[in-house]
Amino acid sequence: MGRFLLGRVLATIPVLLVVATVVFALLRLAPGDPAAILAGDVATPEQIAAIRMRLGLDQPAYIQFIDWMGRLLQGDLGTSIISNQPVTRLIGERIEPTLALAGSTILFAVLVAVPLGVLAAWRHGTWVDRAVMAFSVIGFSIPVFVLGYLLILGFAMELRWLPVQGYAPLRDGFLPFATRLVLPTLTLSVIYIALIARITRASVLETLGEDYVRTARAKGVGERSVLARHALRNAAVPIVSVIGIGIALLISGVVVTESVFNLPGLGRLTVDAVLARDYPVIQGVTLLFAFLYVLINLGIDVAYTLLDPRIRY
């Protein structure tokens, strides 16, 4: 196991290098000049050229790339072109809302979806099964931003039960922190509940047809024990896999959700940086997301080895 983990950790290095190279190239090929944006609409060409020289954007692309990679290898993600602050500081200031939203979303999705999937498999062919599958189809069909605005309209503007937008840090109290996460969590979790419930149903339904399940029932084992100890436990590998995929997909989901609910997280930071052509911020956040994605895949592989001892690496 130790050799496997070390190999996978070392394998992240070339992956991140490829991601860094691709992101750098795409940003340089994209239209728009951050110096012109920073200078303003009334700036003269001489002023824009001076800003480009100050930012190092007048250098050839390969020189910029070598300089950026050299600082990156030293742990320096660069300095924001717009705010003139270190990218690491900007990420540190924005990471709490993103982690809070992602954590609450995946926790709520798992707690709701796994029991729904098991229930649908247990009641296969009944109205319960059809209701869960109908919810899964609807959950996949509704765009995140549409659902977010509907929840804001219903629970925040009409009923006035919850705040419309914004974020309260945990240090300001748990209740303000939790109430401002309810609507974003519900919005983002629907699609993951649909995904996890569907896979859980299929996996448990397949397991319920195995011989050891029929043997357990023939021995008089209770239905709850059959579902928990035999069916769900042996169906855990694909369920864990789809949960890991869901966590990875949260990286893109938080961008839309944070924009809808005005959460000052990494998603909003990415959107603002893209609009302003803030190259260092975009590159830094993208590398962070890529690293998190690799870690999630590593966690899935470790879970495989723990859940199924037959798997060897």
C-alpha atoms as a PDB file:
ATOM      1  CA  MET A   1       0.000   0.000   0.000  1.00  0.00           C
ATOM      2  CA  GLY A   2       2.798   2.418   0.880  1.00  0.00           C
ATOM      3  CA  ARG A   3       4.562   1.872  -2.453  1.00  0.00           C
ATOM      4  CA  PHE A   4       1.249   2.327  -4.279  1.00  0.00           C
ATOM      5  CA  LEU A   5       0.524   5.620  -2.506  1.00  0.00           C
ATOM      6  CA  LEU A   6       4.025   6.908  -3.159  1.00  0.00           C
ATOM      7  CA  GLY A   7       3.742   6.024  -6.846  1.00  0.00           C
ATOM      8  CA  ARG A   8       0.409   7.771  -7.191  1.00  0.00           C
ATOM      9  CA  VAL A   9       1.661  10.879  -5.379  1.00  0.00           C
ATOM     10  CA  LEU A  10       4.700  11.065  -7.660  1.00  0.00           C
ATOM     11  CA  ALA A  11       2.412  10.590 -10.662  1.00  0.00           C
ATOM     12  CA  THR A  12       0.660  13.853  -9.784  1.00  0.00           C
ATOM     13  CA  ILE A  13       3.778  15.848 -10.708  1.00  0.00           C
ATOM     14  CA  PRO A  14       3.661  15.268 -14.503  1.00  0.00           C
ATOM     15  CA  VAL A  15      -0.122  15.662 -14.448  1.00  0.00           C
ATOM     16  CA  LEU A  16       0.162  19.089 -12.835  1.00  0.00           C
ATOM     17  CA  LEU A  17       2.956  20.068 -15.223  1.00  0.00           C
ATOM     18  CA  VAL A  18       0.770  19.197 -18.209  1.00  0.00           C
ATOM     19  CA  VAL A  19      -2.171  21.116 -16.708  1.00  0.00           C
ATOM     20  CA  ALA A  20       0.051  24.135 -16.064  1.00  0.00           C
ATOM     21  CA  THR A  21       1.363  24.094 -19.640  1.00  0.00           C
ATOM     22  CA  VAL A  22      -2.083  23.754 -21.200  1.00  0.00           C
ATOM     23  CA  VAL A  23      -3.610  26.486 -19.031  1.00  0.00           C
ATOM     24  CA  PHE A  24      -0.729  28.844 -19.774  1.00  0.00           C
ATOM     25  CA  ALA A  25      -1.040  28.250 -23.519  1.00  0.00           C
ATOM     26  CA  LEU A  26      -4.831  28.638 -23.592  1.00  0.00           C
ATOM     27  CA  LEU A  27      -4.719  31.895 -21.659  1.00  0.00           C
ATOM     28  CA  ARG A  28      -2.149  33.362 -24.023  1.00  0.00           C
ATOM     29  CA  LEU A  29      -4.204  32.296 -27.045  1.00  0.00           C
ATOM     30  CA  ALA A  30      -7.460  33.721 -25.659  1.00  0.00           C
ATOM     31  CA  PRO A  31      -8.502  37.194 -26.886  1.00  0.00           C
ATOM     32  CA  GLY A  32      -8.178  40.143 -24.567  1.00  0.00           C
ATOM     33  CA  ASP A  33      -5.306  42.114 -23.065  1.00  0.00           C
ATOM     34  CA  PRO A  34      -5.076  42.404 -19.257  1.00  0.00           C
ATOM     35  CA  ALA A  35      -2.950  45.539 -19.663  1.00  0.00           C
ATOM     36  CA  ALA A  36      -5.727  47.242 -21.642  1.00  0.00           C
ATOM     37  CA  ILE A  37      -8.298  46.192 -19.040  1.00  0.00           C
ATOM     38  CA  LEU A  38      -6.094  47.495 -16.229  1.00  0.00           C
ATOM     39  CA  ALA A  39      -5.382  50.772 -18.033  1.00  0.00           C
ATOM     40  CA  GLY A  40      -9.026  51.577 -18.747  1.00  0.00           C
ATOM     41  CA  ASP A  41     -10.951  52.709 -21.792  1.00  0.00           C
ATOM     42  CA  VAL A  42      -9.302  56.135 -22.077  1.00  0.00           C
ATOM     43  CA  ALA A  43      -5.698  54.902 -21.889  1.00  0.00           C
ATOM     44  CA  THR A  44      -3.299  55.710 -24.684  1.00  0.00           C
ATOM     45  CA  PRO A  45      -1.304  53.025 -26.524  1.00  0.00           C
ATOM     46  CA  GLU A  46       1.848  54.276 -24.767  1.00  0.00           C
ATOM     47  CA  GLN A  47       0.246  53.799 -21.341  1.00  0.00           C
ATOM     48  CA  ILE A  48      -0.917  50.291 -22.256  1.00  0.00           C
ATOM     49  CA  ALA A  49       2.574  49.444 -23.516  1.00  0.00           C
ATOM     50  CA  ALA A  50       4.084  50.696 -20.248  1.00  0.00           C
ATOM     51  CA  ILE A  51       1.720  48.506 -18.236  1.00  0.00           C
ATOM     52  CA  ARG A  52       2.535  45.492 -20.411  1.00  0.00           C
ATOM     53  CA  MET A  53       6.236  46.097 -19.789  1.00  0.00           C
ATOM     54  CA  ARG A  54       5.678  46.433 -16.025  1.00  0.00           C
ATOM     55  CA  LEU A  55       3.719  43.162 -15.944  1.00  0.00           C
ATOM     56  CA  GLY A  56       6.238  41.345 -18.132  1.00  0.00           C
ATOM     57  CA  LEU A  57       3.648  40.701 -20.841  1.00  0.00           C
ATOM     58  CA  ASP A  58       5.910  42.204 -23.497  1.00  0.00           C
ATOM     59  CA  GLN A  59       8.291  39.265 -23.165  1.00  0.00           C
ATOM     60  CA  PRO A  60       8.027  36.249 -25.511  1.00  0.00           C
ATOM     61  CA  ALA A  61       5.597  33.604 -24.348  1.00  0.00           C
ATOM     62  CA  TYR A  62       8.300  31.031 -23.651  1.00  0.00           C
ATOM     63  CA  ILE A  63      10.177  33.502 -21.424  1.00  0.00           C
ATOM     64  CA  GLN A  64       6.984  34.178 -19.474  1.00  0.00           C
ATOM     65  CA  PHE A  65       6.395  30.432 -19.136  1.00  0.00           C
ATOM     66  CA  ILE A  66       9.923  29.695 -17.899  1.00  0.00           C
ATOM     67  CA  ASP A  67       9.731  32.538 -15.393  1.00  0.00           C
ATOM     68  CA  TRP A  68       6.320  31.388 -14.141  1.00  0.00           C
ATOM     69  CA  MET A  69       7.398  27.732 -13.852  1.00  0.00           C
ATOM     70  CA  GLY A  70      10.526  28.756 -11.953  1.00  0.00           C
ATOM     71  CA  ARG A  71       8.473  30.642  -9.380  1.00  0.00           C
ATOM     72  CA  LEU A  72       5.892  27.845  -9.291  1.00  0.00           C
ATOM     73  CA  LEU A  73       8.521  25.257  -8.363  1.00  0.00           C
ATOM     74  CA  GLN A  74       9.402  27.486  -5.401  1.00  0.00           C
ATOM     75  CA  GLY A  75       5.776  27.510  -4.237  1.00  0.00           C
ATOM     76  CA  ASP A  76       5.080  30.998  -5.590  1.00  0.00           C
ATOM     77  CA  LEU A  77       1.835  31.179  -7.595  1.00  0.00           C
ATOM     78  CA  GLY A  78       2.551  34.754  -8.591  1.00  0.00           C
ATOM     79  CA  THR A  79       0.838  38.066  -7.928  1.00  0.00           C
ATOM     80  CA  SER A  80      -2.582  39.140  -9.115  1.00  0.00           C
ATOM     81  CA  ILE A  81      -2.449  41.608 -11.984  1.00  0.00           C
ATOM     82  CA  ILE A  82      -5.604  43.402 -10.835  1.00  0.00           C
ATOM     83  CA  SER A  83      -5.364  43.469  -7.023  1.00  0.00           C
ATOM     84  CA  ASN A  84      -1.547  43.249  -6.796  1.00  0.00           C
ATOM     85  CA  GLN A  85      -1.882  40.653  -4.032  1.00  0.00           C
ATOM     86  CA  PRO A  86      -0.218  37.221  -3.881  1.00  0.00           C
ATOM     87  CA  VAL A  87      -2.364  34.521  -5.459  1.00  0.00           C
ATOM     88  CA  THR A  88      -1.803  32.270  -2.450  1.00  0.00           C
ATOM     89  CA  ARG A  89      -3.316  34.933  -0.185  1.00  0.00           C
ATOM     90  CA  LEU A  90      -6.342  35.354  -2.463  1.00  0.00           C
ATOM     91  CA  ILE A  91      -6.898  31.592  -2.499  1.00  0.00           C
ATOM     92  CA  GLY A  92      -6.528  31.399   1.279  1.00  0.00           C
ATOM     93  CA  GLU A  93      -9.110  34.152   1.748  1.00  0.00           C
ATOM     94  CA  ARG A  94     -11.626  32.489  -0.612  1.00  0.00           C
ATOM     95  CA  ILE A  95     -11.193  28.804   0.156  1.00  0.00           C
ATOM     96  CA  GLU A  96     -13.438  28.619   3.257  1.00  0.00           C
ATOM     97  CA  PRO A  97     -16.785  29.262   1.463  1.00  0.00           C
ATOM     98  CA  THR A  98     -15.877  26.773  -1.277  1.00  0.00           C
ATOM     99  CA  LEU A  99     -14.882  24.035   1.154  1.00  0.00           C
ATOM    100  CA  ALA A 100     -17.985  24.691   3.262  1.00  0.00           C
ATOM    101  CA  LEU A 101     -20.289  24.490   0.235  1.00  0.00           C
ATOM    102  CA  ALA A 102     -18.588  21.421  -1.238  1.00  0.00           C
ATOM    103  CA  GLY A 103     -18.493  19.606   2.109  1.00  0.00           C
ATOM    104  CA  SER A 104     -22.108  20.291   3.007  1.00  0.00           C
ATOM    105  CA  THR A 105     -23.234  19.361  -0.519  1.00  0.00           C
ATOM    106  CA  ILE A 106     -21.540  15.986  -0.703  1.00  0.00           C
ATOM    107  CA  LEU A 107     -22.489  15.124   2.905  1.00  0.00           C
ATOM    108  CA  PHE A 108     -26.146  15.952   2.332  1.00  0.00           C
ATOM    109  CA  ALA A 109     -26.158  14.184  -1.031  1.00  0.00           C
ATOM    110  CA  VAL A 110     -24.708  10.965   0.390  1.00  0.00           C
ATOM    111  CA  LEU A 111     -27.013  10.938   3.429  1.00  0.00           C
ATOM    112  CA  VAL A 112     -30.064  11.334   1.186  1.00  0.00           C
ATOM    113  CA  ALA A 113     -29.054   9.457  -1.976  1.00  0.00           C
ATOM    114  CA  VAL A 114     -27.727   6.193  -0.537  1.00  0.00           C
ATOM    115  CA  PRO A 115     -30.885   5.408   1.501  1.00  0.00           C
ATOM    116  CA  LEU A 116     -33.028   6.423  -1.498  1.00  0.00           C
ATOM    117  CA  GLY A 117     -31.085   4.102  -3.779  1.00  0.00           C
ATOM    118  CA  VAL A 118     -31.286   1.194  -1.340  1.00  0.00           C
ATOM    119  CA  LEU A 119     -35.005   1.786  -0.845  1.00  0.00           C
ATOM    120  CA  ALA A 120     -35.615   1.892  -4.605  1.00  0.00           C
ATOM    121  CA  ALA A 121     -33.710  -1.378  -5.075  1.00  0.00           C
ATOM    122  CA  TRP A 122     -35.550  -3.040  -2.194  1.00  0.00           C
ATOM    123  CA  ARG A 123     -38.930  -1.909  -3.577  1.00  0.00           C
ATOM    124  CA  HIS A 124     -37.988  -2.610  -7.173  1.00  0.00           C
ATOM    125  CA  GLY A 125     -40.912  -2.197  -9.554  1.00  0.00           C
ATOM    126  CA  THR A 126     -43.174  -0.409  -7.041  1.00  0.00           C
ATOM    127  CA  TRP A 127     -44.247   3.217  -6.949  1.00  0.00           C
ATOM    128  CA  VAL A 128     -41.334   3.968  -4.590  1.00  0.00           C
ATOM    129  CA  ASP A 129     -38.840   2.766  -7.186  1.00  0.00           C
ATOM    130  CA  ARG A 130     -40.534   4.764  -9.949  1.00  0.00           C
ATOM    131  CA  ALA A 131     -40.642   7.884  -7.785  1.00  0.00           C
ATOM    132  CA  VAL A 132     -36.910   7.701  -7.045  1.00  0.00           C
ATOM    133  CA  MET A 133     -36.104   7.164 -10.721  1.00  0.00           C
ATOM    134  CA  ALA A 134     -38.368  10.059 -11.723  1.00  0.00           C
ATOM    135  CA  PHE A 135     -36.563  12.292  -9.235  1.00  0.00           C
ATOM    136  CA  SER A 136     -33.243  11.176 -10.716  1.00  0.00           C
ATOM    137  CA  VAL A 137     -34.346  12.155 -14.215  1.00  0.00           C
ATOM    138  CA  ILE A 138     -35.609  15.540 -13.012  1.00  0.00           C
ATOM    139  CA  GLY A 139     -32.430  16.125 -11.001  1.00  0.00           C
ATOM    140  CA  PHE A 140     -30.285  15.545 -14.084  1.00  0.00           C
ATOM    141  CA  SER A 141     -32.516  17.733 -16.267  1.00  0.00           C
ATOM    142  CA  ILE A 142     -32.760  20.968 -14.278  1.00  0.00           C
ATOM    143  CA  PRO A 143     -29.753  23.310 -14.718  1.00  0.00           C
ATOM    144  CA  VAL A 144     -28.110  24.358 -11.468  1.00  0.00           C
ATOM    145  CA  PHE A 145     -28.629  28.076 -11.990  1.00  0.00           C
ATOM    146  CA  VAL A 146     -32.346  27.613 -12.785  1.00  0.00           C
ATOM    147  CA  LEU A 147     -32.901  25.580  -9.624  1.00  0.00           C
ATOM    148  CA  GLY A 148     -30.938  28.141  -7.612  1.00  0.00           C
ATOM    149  CA  TYR A 149     -33.098  31.032  -8.772  1.00  0.00           C
ATOM    150  CA  LEU A 150     -36.286  29.013  -8.122  1.00  0.00           C
ATOM    151  CA  LEU A 151     -35.168  28.262  -4.556  1.00  0.00           C
ATOM    152  CA  ILE A 152     -34.279  31.925  -4.008  1.00  0.00           C
ATOM    153  CA  LEU A 153     -37.704  32.966  -5.315  1.00  0.00           C
ATOM    154  CA  GLY A 154     -39.586  30.480  -3.156  1.00  0.00           C
ATOM    155  CA  PHE A 155     -37.709  30.257   0.160  1.00  0.00           C
ATOM    156  CA  ALA A 156     -35.955  33.628   0.301  1.00  0.00           C
ATOM    157  CA  MET A 157     -38.196  36.149  -1.472  1.00  0.00           C
ATOM    158  CA  GLU A 158     -41.685  34.685  -1.030  1.00  0.00           C
ATOM    159  CA  LEU A 159     -41.515  32.789   2.288  1.00  0.00           C
ATOM    160  CA  ARG A 160     -38.565  34.801   3.661  1.00  0.00           C
ATOM    161  CA  TRP A 161     -37.277  31.794   5.572  1.00  0.00           C
ATOM    162  CA  LEU A 162     -33.666  32.071   4.442  1.00  0.00           C
ATOM    163  CA  PRO A 163     -31.246  34.785   3.285  1.00  0.00           C
ATOM    164  CA  VAL A 164     -31.191  35.522  -0.419  1.00  0.00           C
ATOM    165  CA  GLN A 165     -27.437  35.649  -0.908  1.00  0.00           C
ATOM    166  CA  GLY A 166     -24.153  36.123   0.877  1.00  0.00           C
ATOM    167  CA  TYR A 167     -21.902  34.170   3.203  1.00  0.00           C
ATOM    168  CA  ALA A 168     -21.232  34.307   6.945  1.00  0.00           C
ATOM    169  CA  PRO A 169     -17.925  32.831   8.193  1.00  0.00           C
ATOM    170  CA  LEU A 170     -18.111  30.107  10.812  1.00  0.00           C
ATOM    171  CA  ARG A 171     -16.349  32.372  13.306  1.00  0.00           C
ATOM    172  CA  ASP A 172     -19.421  34.659  13.244  1.00  0.00           C
ATOM    173  CA  GLY A 173     -21.597  31.866  14.639  1.00  0.00           C
ATOM    174  CA  PHE A 174     -22.920  28.533  13.453  1.00  0.00           C
ATOM    175  CA  LEU A 175     -26.501  29.661  12.818  1.00  0.00           C
ATOM    176  CA  PRO A 176     -25.668  32.490  10.350  1.00  0.00           C
ATOM    177  CA  PHE A 177     -23.095  30.205   8.746  1.00  0.00           C
ATOM    178  CA  ALA A 178     -25.585  27.354   8.315  1.00  0.00           C
ATOM    179  CA  THR A 179     -28.582  29.406   7.168  1.00  0.00           C
ATOM    180  CA  ARG A 180     -26.607  30.955   4.309  1.00  0.00           C
ATOM    181  CA  LEU A 181     -25.472  27.539   3.140  1.00  0.00           C
ATOM    182  CA  VAL A 182     -28.914  25.898   3.034  1.00  0.00           C
ATOM    183  CA  LEU A 183     -30.053  27.155  -0.369  1.00  0.00           C
ATOM    184  CA  PRO A 184     -26.670  26.754  -2.120  1.00  0.00           C
ATOM    185  CA  THR A 185     -26.335  23.247  -0.690  1.00  0.00           C
ATOM    186  CA  LEU A 186     -29.828  22.248  -1.817  1.00  0.00           C
ATOM    187  CA  THR A 187     -29.207  23.714  -5.256  1.00  0.00           C
ATOM    188  CA  LEU A 188     -25.908  21.961  -5.826  1.00  0.00           C
ATOM    189  CA  SER A 189     -26.813  18.655  -4.170  1.00  0.00           C
ATOM    190  CA  VAL A 190     -29.848  17.792  -6.321  1.00  0.00           C
ATOM    191  CA  ILE A 191     -27.833  16.560  -9.294  1.00  0.00           C
ATOM    192  CA  TYR A 192     -25.513  14.548  -7.038  1.00  0.00           C
ATOM    193  CA  ILE A 193     -28.422  13.000  -5.176  1.00  0.00           C
ATOM    194  CA  ALA A 194     -29.843  11.934  -8.526  1.00  0.00           C
ATOM    195  CA  LEU A 195     -26.504  10.496  -9.662  1.00  0.00           C
ATOM    196  CA  ILE A 196     -25.637   8.640  -6.447  1.00  0.00           C
ATOM    197  CA  ALA A 197     -29.180   7.331  -5.912  1.00  0.00           C
ATOM    198  CA  ARG A 198     -29.319   5.934  -9.436  1.00  0.00           C
ATOM    199  CA  ILE A 199     -25.974   4.132  -9.147  1.00  0.00           C
ATOM    200  CA  THR A 200     -26.797   2.896  -5.633  1.00  0.00           C
ATOM    201  CA  ARG A 201     -30.086   1.440  -6.849  1.00  0.00           C
ATOM    202  CA  ALA A 202     -28.454  -0.356  -9.770  1.00  0.00           C
ATOM    203  CA  SER A 203     -25.587  -1.708  -7.668  1.00  0.00           C
ATOM    204  CA  VAL A 204     -27.753  -2.877  -4.755  1.00  0.00           C
ATOM    205  CA  LEU A 205     -30.334  -4.351  -7.130  1.00  0.00           C
ATOM    206  CA  GLU A 206     -27.636  -6.433  -8.780  1.00  0.00           C
ATOM    207  CA  THR A 207     -26.306  -7.560  -5.399  1.00  0.00           C
ATOM    208  CA  LEU A 208     -29.750  -8.591  -4.154  1.00  0.00           C
ATOM    209  CA  GLY A 209     -29.841 -11.241  -6.877  1.00  0.00           C
ATOM    210  CA  GLU A 210     -26.636 -12.944  -5.695  1.00  0.00           C
ATOM    211  CA  ASP A 211     -26.639 -16.395  -4.118  1.00  0.00           C
ATOM    212  CA  TYR A 212     -25.256 -15.255  -0.753  1.00  0.00           C
ATOM    213  CA  VAL A 213     -28.175 -12.848  -0.337  1.00  0.00           C
ATOM    214  CA  ARG A 214     -30.701 -15.596  -1.034  1.00  0.00           C
ATOM    215  CA  THR A 215     -28.802 -17.846   1.394  1.00  0.00           C
ATOM    216  CA  ALA A 216     -28.917 -15.192   4.106  1.00  0.00           C
ATOM    217  CA  ARG A 217     -32.651 -14.783   3.645  1.00  0.00           C
ATOM    218  CA  ALA A 218     -33.130 -18.564   3.714  1.00  0.00           C
ATOM    219  CA  LYS A 219     -31.319 -18.671   7.063  1.00  0.00           C
ATOM    220  CA  GLY A 220     -33.830 -16.205   8.473  1.00  0.00           C
ATOM    221  CA  VAL A 221     -31.617 -13.114   8.524  1.00  0.00           C
ATOM    222  CA  GLY A 222     -33.702  -9.961   8.911  1.00  0.00           C
ATOM    223  CA  GLU A 223     -34.324  -7.814   5.860  1.00  0.00           C
ATOM    224  CA  ARG A 224     -32.605  -4.803   7.386  1.00  0.00           C
ATOM    225  CA  SER A 225     -29.484  -6.853   8.044  1.00  0.00           C
ATOM    226  CA  VAL A 226     -29.616  -8.312   4.537  1.00  0.00           C
ATOM    227  CA  LEU A 227     -29.725  -4.829   3.019  1.00  0.00           C
ATOM    228  CA  ALA A 228     -27.043  -3.302   5.253  1.00  0.00           C
ATOM    229  CA  ARG A 229     -24.564  -6.120   5.861  1.00  0.00           C
ATOM    230  CA  HIS A 230     -24.861  -8.108   2.651  1.00  0.00           C
ATOM    231  CA  ALA A 231     -26.308  -6.040  -0.192  1.00  0.00           C
ATOM    232  CA  LEU A 232     -25.027  -2.521   0.514  1.00  0.00           C
ATOM    233  CA  ARG A 233     -21.643  -3.639   1.800  1.00  0.00           C
ATOM    234  CA  ASN A 234     -20.883  -5.713  -1.292  1.00  0.00           C
ATOM    235  CA  ALA A 235     -22.225  -2.987  -3.580  1.00  0.00           C
ATOM    236  CA  ALA A 236     -20.022  -0.332  -1.999  1.00  0.00           C
ATOM    237  CA  VAL A 237     -17.256  -0.197  -4.624  1.00  0.00           C
ATOM    238  CA  PRO A 238     -19.276   1.395  -7.469  1.00  0.00           C
ATOM    239  CA  ILE A 239     -21.071   3.615  -4.954  1.00  0.00           C
ATOM    240  CA  VAL A 240     -17.772   4.924  -3.565  1.00  0.00           C
ATOM    241  CA  SER A 241     -16.564   5.433  -7.128  1.00  0.00           C
ATOM    242  CA  VAL A 242     -19.544   7.570  -8.106  1.00  0.00           C
ATOM    243  CA  ILE A 243     -19.275   9.554  -4.849  1.00  0.00           C
ATOM    244  CA  GLY A 244     -15.661  10.310  -5.736  1.00  0.00           C
ATOM    245  CA  ILE A 245     -16.726  11.369  -9.231  1.00  0.00           C
ATOM    246  CA  GLY A 246     -19.365  13.601  -7.648  1.00  0.00           C
ATOM    247  CA  ILE A 247     -16.760  15.266  -5.440  1.00  0.00           C
ATOM    248  CA  ALA A 248     -14.599  15.901  -8.499  1.00  0.00           C
ATOM    249  CA  LEU A 249     -17.559  17.377 -10.401  1.00  0.00           C
ATOM    250  CA  LEU A 250     -18.166  19.785  -7.517  1.00  0.00           C
ATOM    251  CA  ILE A 251     -15.151  21.703  -8.789  1.00  0.00           C
ATOM    252  CA  SER A 252     -17.190  22.935 -11.732  1.00  0.00           C
ATOM    253  CA  GLY A 253     -20.485  23.075  -9.850  1.00  0.00           C
ATOM    254  CA  VAL A 254     -19.289  25.546  -7.235  1.00  0.00           C
ATOM    255  CA  VAL A 255     -18.417  28.105  -9.919  1.00  0.00           C
ATOM    256  CA  VAL A 256     -22.042  28.464 -11.030  1.00  0.00           C
ATOM    257  CA  THR A 257     -23.545  28.135  -7.558  1.00  0.00           C
ATOM    258  CA  GLU A 258     -21.241  30.697  -5.976  1.00  0.00           C
ATOM    259  CA  SER A 259     -22.101  33.144  -8.740  1.00  0.00           C
ATOM    260  CA  VAL A 260     -25.850  32.649  -8.236  1.00  0.00           C
ATOM    261  CA  PHE A 261     -25.713  33.026  -4.446  1.00  0.00           C
ATOM    262  CA  ASN A 262     -22.919  35.615  -4.341  1.00  0.00           C
ATOM    263  CA  LEU A 263     -20.606  33.438  -2.266  1.00  0.00           C
ATOM    264  CA  PRO A 264     -17.047  34.821  -2.062  1.00  0.00           C
ATOM    265  CA  GLY A 265     -15.367  31.491  -2.812  1.00  0.00           C
ATOM    266  CA  LEU A 266     -12.922  30.143  -5.356  1.00  0.00           C
ATOM    267  CA  GLY A 267     -15.662  29.900  -7.965  1.00  0.00           C
ATOM    268  CA  ARG A 268     -16.365  33.619  -7.843  1.00  0.00           C
ATOM    269  CA  LEU A 269     -12.638  34.306  -7.740  1.00  0.00           C
ATOM    270  CA  THR A 270     -12.223  32.285 -10.940  1.00  0.00           C
ATOM    271  CA  VAL A 271     -15.072  34.069 -12.723  1.00  0.00           C
ATOM    272  CA  ASP A 272     -13.756  37.503 -11.750  1.00  0.00           C
ATOM    273  CA  ALA A 273     -10.230  36.555 -12.809  1.00  0.00           C
ATOM    274  CA  VAL A 274     -11.410  35.272 -16.203  1.00  0.00           C
ATOM    275  CA  LEU A 275     -13.373  38.468 -16.875  1.00  0.00           C
ATOM    276  CA  ALA A 276     -10.352  40.589 -15.934  1.00  0.00           C
ATOM    277  CA  ARG A 277      -7.822  38.348 -17.756  1.00  0.00           C
ATOM    278  CA  ASP A 278      -5.938  37.992 -14.471  1.00  0.00           C
ATOM    279  CA  TYR A 279      -3.530  35.301 -15.664  1.00  0.00           C
ATOM    280  CA  PRO A 280      -1.766  34.463 -12.361  1.00  0.00           C
ATOM    281  CA  VAL A 281      -5.049  33.989 -10.488  1.00  0.00           C
ATOM    282  CA  ILE A 282      -6.569  31.800 -13.200  1.00  0.00           C
ATOM    283  CA  GLN A 283      -3.429  29.659 -13.362  1.00  0.00           C
ATOM    284  CA  GLY A 284      -3.173  29.320  -9.587  1.00  0.00           C
ATOM    285  CA  VAL A 285      -6.815  28.343  -9.038  1.00  0.00           C
ATOM    286  CA  THR A 286      -6.750  25.916 -11.973  1.00  0.00           C
ATOM    287  CA  LEU A 287      -3.668  24.184 -10.585  1.00  0.00           C
ATOM    288  CA  LEU A 288      -5.316  23.938  -7.179  1.00  0.00           C
ATOM    289  CA  PHE A 289      -8.441  22.379  -8.688  1.00  0.00           C
ATOM    290  CA  ALA A 290      -6.303  19.933 -10.697  1.00  0.00           C
ATOM    291  CA  PHE A 291      -4.387  18.931  -7.563  1.00  0.00           C
ATOM    292  CA  LEU A 292      -7.625  18.376  -5.657  1.00  0.00           C
ATOM    293  CA  TYR A 293      -8.957  16.281  -8.536  1.00  0.00           C
ATOM    294  CA  VAL A 294      -5.851  14.080  -8.431  1.00  0.00           C
ATOM    295  CA  LEU A 295      -6.159  13.696  -4.653  1.00  0.00           C
ATOM    296  CA  ILE A 296      -9.800  12.652  -5.019  1.00  0.00           C
ATOM    297  CA  ASN A 297      -8.855   9.976  -7.536  1.00  0.00           C
ATOM    298  CA  LEU A 298      -6.120   8.791  -5.193  1.00  0.00           C
ATOM    299  CA  GLY A 299      -8.684   8.537  -2.397  1.00  0.00           C
ATOM    300  CA  ILE A 300     -10.978   6.483  -4.633  1.00  0.00           C
ATOM    301  CA  ASP A 301      -8.157   4.038  -5.392  1.00  0.00           C
ATOM    302  CA  VAL A 302      -7.348   3.699  -1.701  1.00  0.00           C
ATOM    303  CA  ALA A 303     -11.015   3.067  -0.942  1.00  0.00           C
ATOM    304  CA  TYR A 304     -11.048   0.324  -3.593  1.00  0.00           C
ATOM    305  CA  THR A 305      -8.200  -1.499  -1.888  1.00  0.00           C
ATOM    306  CA  LEU A 306      -9.897  -1.243   1.507  1.00  0.00           C
ATOM    307  CA  LEU A 307     -13.341  -2.332   0.301  1.00  0.00           C
ATOM    308  CA  ASP A 308     -12.186  -5.121  -2.002  1.00  0.00           C
ATOM    309  CA  PRO A 309      -9.076  -6.968  -0.784  1.00  0.00           C
ATOM    310  CA  ARG A 310      -8.898  -8.817  -4.108  1.00  0.00           C
ATOM    311  CA  ILE A 311      -7.690  -5.633  -5.791  1.00  0.00           C
ATOM    312  CA  ARG A 312      -3.905  -5.400  -5.861  1.00  0.00           C
ATOM    313  CA  TYR A 313      -1.647  -2.732  -7.276  1.00  0.00           C
END
